[in-house]
Amino acid sequence: MLTLGQQLRIHRERHGWSQSELSRRSGVPQPSISRIEGGARLQPRVHLVARLARTLGIPVEGLLVAWLYDDAPITTTGFPNSSMH
């Protein structure tokens, strides 16, 4: 299964958008997009993932499933949620 960052990059590139363009359209800061795509952002917030999915025109569930199964810890409100793995 592809990671959240890999899926995000694939969908962004299908639109022909740079990270800066996705940032402009979604309101998610470009450095956050870069960290998510690169795997450095270990705890992206659900609202950021949802905003990116909506901007890319893909079901939110598609990115959330990848996000839930990434090896990284996940958070919805700032608290680790390791019980999801």
C-alpha atoms as a PDB file:
ATOM      1  CA  MET A   1       0.000   0.000   0.000  1.00  0.00           C
ATOM      2  CA  LEU A   2       1.231   3.479  -0.840  1.00  0.00           C
ATOM      3  CA  THR A   3       1.905   5.873   1.991  1.00  0.00           C
ATOM      4  CA  LEU A   4      -0.067   9.062   2.462  1.00  0.00           C
ATOM      5  CA  GLY A   5       2.829  11.101   1.084  1.00  0.00           C
ATOM      6  CA  GLN A   6       3.161   8.912  -2.001  1.00  0.00           C
ATOM      7  CA  GLN A   7      -0.560   9.113  -2.748  1.00  0.00           C
ATOM      8  CA  LEU A   8      -0.616  12.850  -2.214  1.00  0.00           C
ATOM      9  CA  ARG A   9       2.268  13.336  -4.653  1.00  0.00           C
ATOM     10  CA  ILE A  10       0.703  11.066  -7.290  1.00  0.00           C
ATOM     11  CA  HIS A  11      -2.619  12.924  -7.203  1.00  0.00           C
ATOM     12  CA  ARG A  12      -0.932  16.332  -7.157  1.00  0.00           C
ATOM     13  CA  GLU A  13       1.221  15.437 -10.154  1.00  0.00           C
ATOM     14  CA  ARG A  14      -1.821  14.088 -12.041  1.00  0.00           C
ATOM     15  CA  HIS A  15      -3.231  17.603 -11.812  1.00  0.00           C
ATOM     16  CA  GLY A  16       0.081  19.005 -13.024  1.00  0.00           C
ATOM     17  CA  TRP A  17       0.396  21.092  -9.860  1.00  0.00           C
ATOM     18  CA  SER A  18       3.488  22.027  -7.930  1.00  0.00           C
ATOM     19  CA  GLN A  19       3.421  21.885  -4.164  1.00  0.00           C
ATOM     20  CA  SER A  20       3.068  25.662  -4.213  1.00  0.00           C
ATOM     21  CA  GLU A  21       0.001  25.448  -6.440  1.00  0.00           C
ATOM     22  CA  LEU A  22      -1.619  22.813  -4.222  1.00  0.00           C
ATOM     23  CA  SER A  23      -0.854  25.032  -1.249  1.00  0.00           C
ATOM     24  CA  ARG A  24      -2.466  28.039  -2.919  1.00  0.00           C
ATOM     25  CA  ARG A  25      -5.585  26.073  -3.844  1.00  0.00           C
ATOM     26  CA  SER A  26      -5.969  24.211  -0.527  1.00  0.00           C
ATOM     27  CA  GLY A  27      -4.721  26.750   1.996  1.00  0.00           C
ATOM     28  CA  VAL A  28      -2.352  24.131   3.446  1.00  0.00           C
ATOM     29  CA  PRO A  29       1.144  25.625   3.846  1.00  0.00           C
ATOM     30  CA  GLN A  30       3.615  24.407   1.206  1.00  0.00           C
ATOM     31  CA  PRO A  31       6.185  23.325   3.821  1.00  0.00           C
ATOM     32  CA  SER A  32       3.509  21.065   5.369  1.00  0.00           C
ATOM     33  CA  ILE A  33       2.775  19.507   1.983  1.00  0.00           C
ATOM     34  CA  SER A  34       6.495  18.967   1.427  1.00  0.00           C
ATOM     35  CA  ARG A  35       6.913  17.302   4.834  1.00  0.00           C
ATOM     36  CA  ILE A  36       3.868  15.056   4.291  1.00  0.00           C
ATOM     37  CA  GLU A  37       5.040  13.987   0.829  1.00  0.00           C
ATOM     38  CA  GLY A  38       8.562  13.388   2.084  1.00  0.00           C
ATOM     39  CA  GLY A  39       7.418  11.407   5.105  1.00  0.00           C
ATOM     40  CA  ALA A  40       8.893  13.920   7.555  1.00  0.00           C
ATOM     41  CA  ARG A  41       5.526  15.119   8.834  1.00  0.00           C
ATOM     42  CA  LEU A  42       4.793  12.248  11.198  1.00  0.00           C
ATOM     43  CA  GLN A  43       1.557  13.550  12.648  1.00  0.00           C
ATOM     44  CA  PRO A  44      -0.462  15.385  10.003  1.00  0.00           C
ATOM     45  CA  ARG A  45      -3.825  16.621  11.224  1.00  0.00           C
ATOM     46  CA  VAL A  46      -7.024  15.090   9.850  1.00  0.00           C
ATOM     47  CA  HIS A  47      -8.310  18.493   8.735  1.00  0.00           C
ATOM     48  CA  LEU A  48      -5.180  19.034   6.604  1.00  0.00           C
ATOM     49  CA  VAL A  49      -5.506  15.613   4.992  1.00  0.00           C
ATOM     50  CA  ALA A  50      -9.217  16.228   4.337  1.00  0.00           C
ATOM     51  CA  ARG A  51      -8.539  19.674   2.841  1.00  0.00           C
ATOM     52  CA  LEU A  52      -5.889  18.237   0.521  1.00  0.00           C
ATOM     53  CA  ALA A  53      -8.172  15.416  -0.606  1.00  0.00           C
ATOM     54  CA  ARG A  54     -11.048  17.800  -1.343  1.00  0.00           C
ATOM     55  CA  THR A  55      -8.749  20.130  -3.280  1.00  0.00           C
ATOM     56  CA  LEU A  56      -7.422  17.214  -5.334  1.00  0.00           C
ATOM     57  CA  GLY A  57     -10.971  16.016  -6.029  1.00  0.00           C
ATOM     58  CA  ILE A  58     -10.476  12.591  -4.490  1.00  0.00           C
ATOM     59  CA  PRO A  59     -12.514  10.949  -1.744  1.00  0.00           C
ATOM     60  CA  VAL A  60     -11.272  11.986   1.671  1.00  0.00           C
ATOM     61  CA  GLU A  61     -11.453   8.336   2.668  1.00  0.00           C
ATOM     62  CA  GLY A  62      -8.833   7.500   0.028  1.00  0.00           C
ATOM     63  CA  LEU A  63      -6.143   9.584   1.701  1.00  0.00           C
ATOM     64  CA  LEU A  64      -7.344   8.816   5.216  1.00  0.00           C
ATOM     65  CA  VAL A  65      -6.968   5.075   4.644  1.00  0.00           C
ATOM     66  CA  ALA A  66      -3.380   5.604   3.477  1.00  0.00           C
ATOM     67  CA  TRP A  67      -2.813   7.907   6.433  1.00  0.00           C
ATOM     68  CA  LEU A  68      -4.174   5.380   8.937  1.00  0.00           C
ATOM     69  CA  TYR A  69      -1.935   2.616   7.650  1.00  0.00           C
ATOM     70  CA  ASP A  70       1.276   4.636   7.381  1.00  0.00           C
ATOM     71  CA  ASP A  71       3.948   3.477   9.798  1.00  0.00           C
ATOM     72  CA  ALA A  72       3.990   6.933  11.364  1.00  0.00           C
ATOM     73  CA  PRO A  73       2.057   7.806  14.504  1.00  0.00           C
ATOM     74  CA  ILE A  74      -1.176   9.580  13.762  1.00  0.00           C
ATOM     75  CA  THR A  75      -3.178  12.214  15.518  1.00  0.00           C
ATOM     76  CA  THR A  76      -6.601  13.777  15.190  1.00  0.00           C
ATOM     77  CA  THR A  77      -6.469  16.258  18.028  1.00  0.00           C
ATOM     78  CA  GLY A  78      -2.791  16.402  18.858  1.00  0.00           C
ATOM     79  CA  PHE A  79      -2.713  13.190  20.909  1.00  0.00           C
ATOM     80  CA  PRO A  80      -0.981  10.056  19.617  1.00  0.00           C
ATOM     81  CA  ASN A  81      -3.335   7.343  18.487  1.00  0.00           C
ATOM     82  CA  SER A  82      -1.256   4.207  18.176  1.00  0.00           C
ATOM     83  CA  SER A  83      -4.254   1.921  18.747  1.00  0.00           C
ATOM     84  CA  MET A  84      -5.131   2.350  15.050  1.00  0.00           C
ATOM     85  CA  HIS A  85      -2.181   0.201  13.913  1.00  0.00           C
END
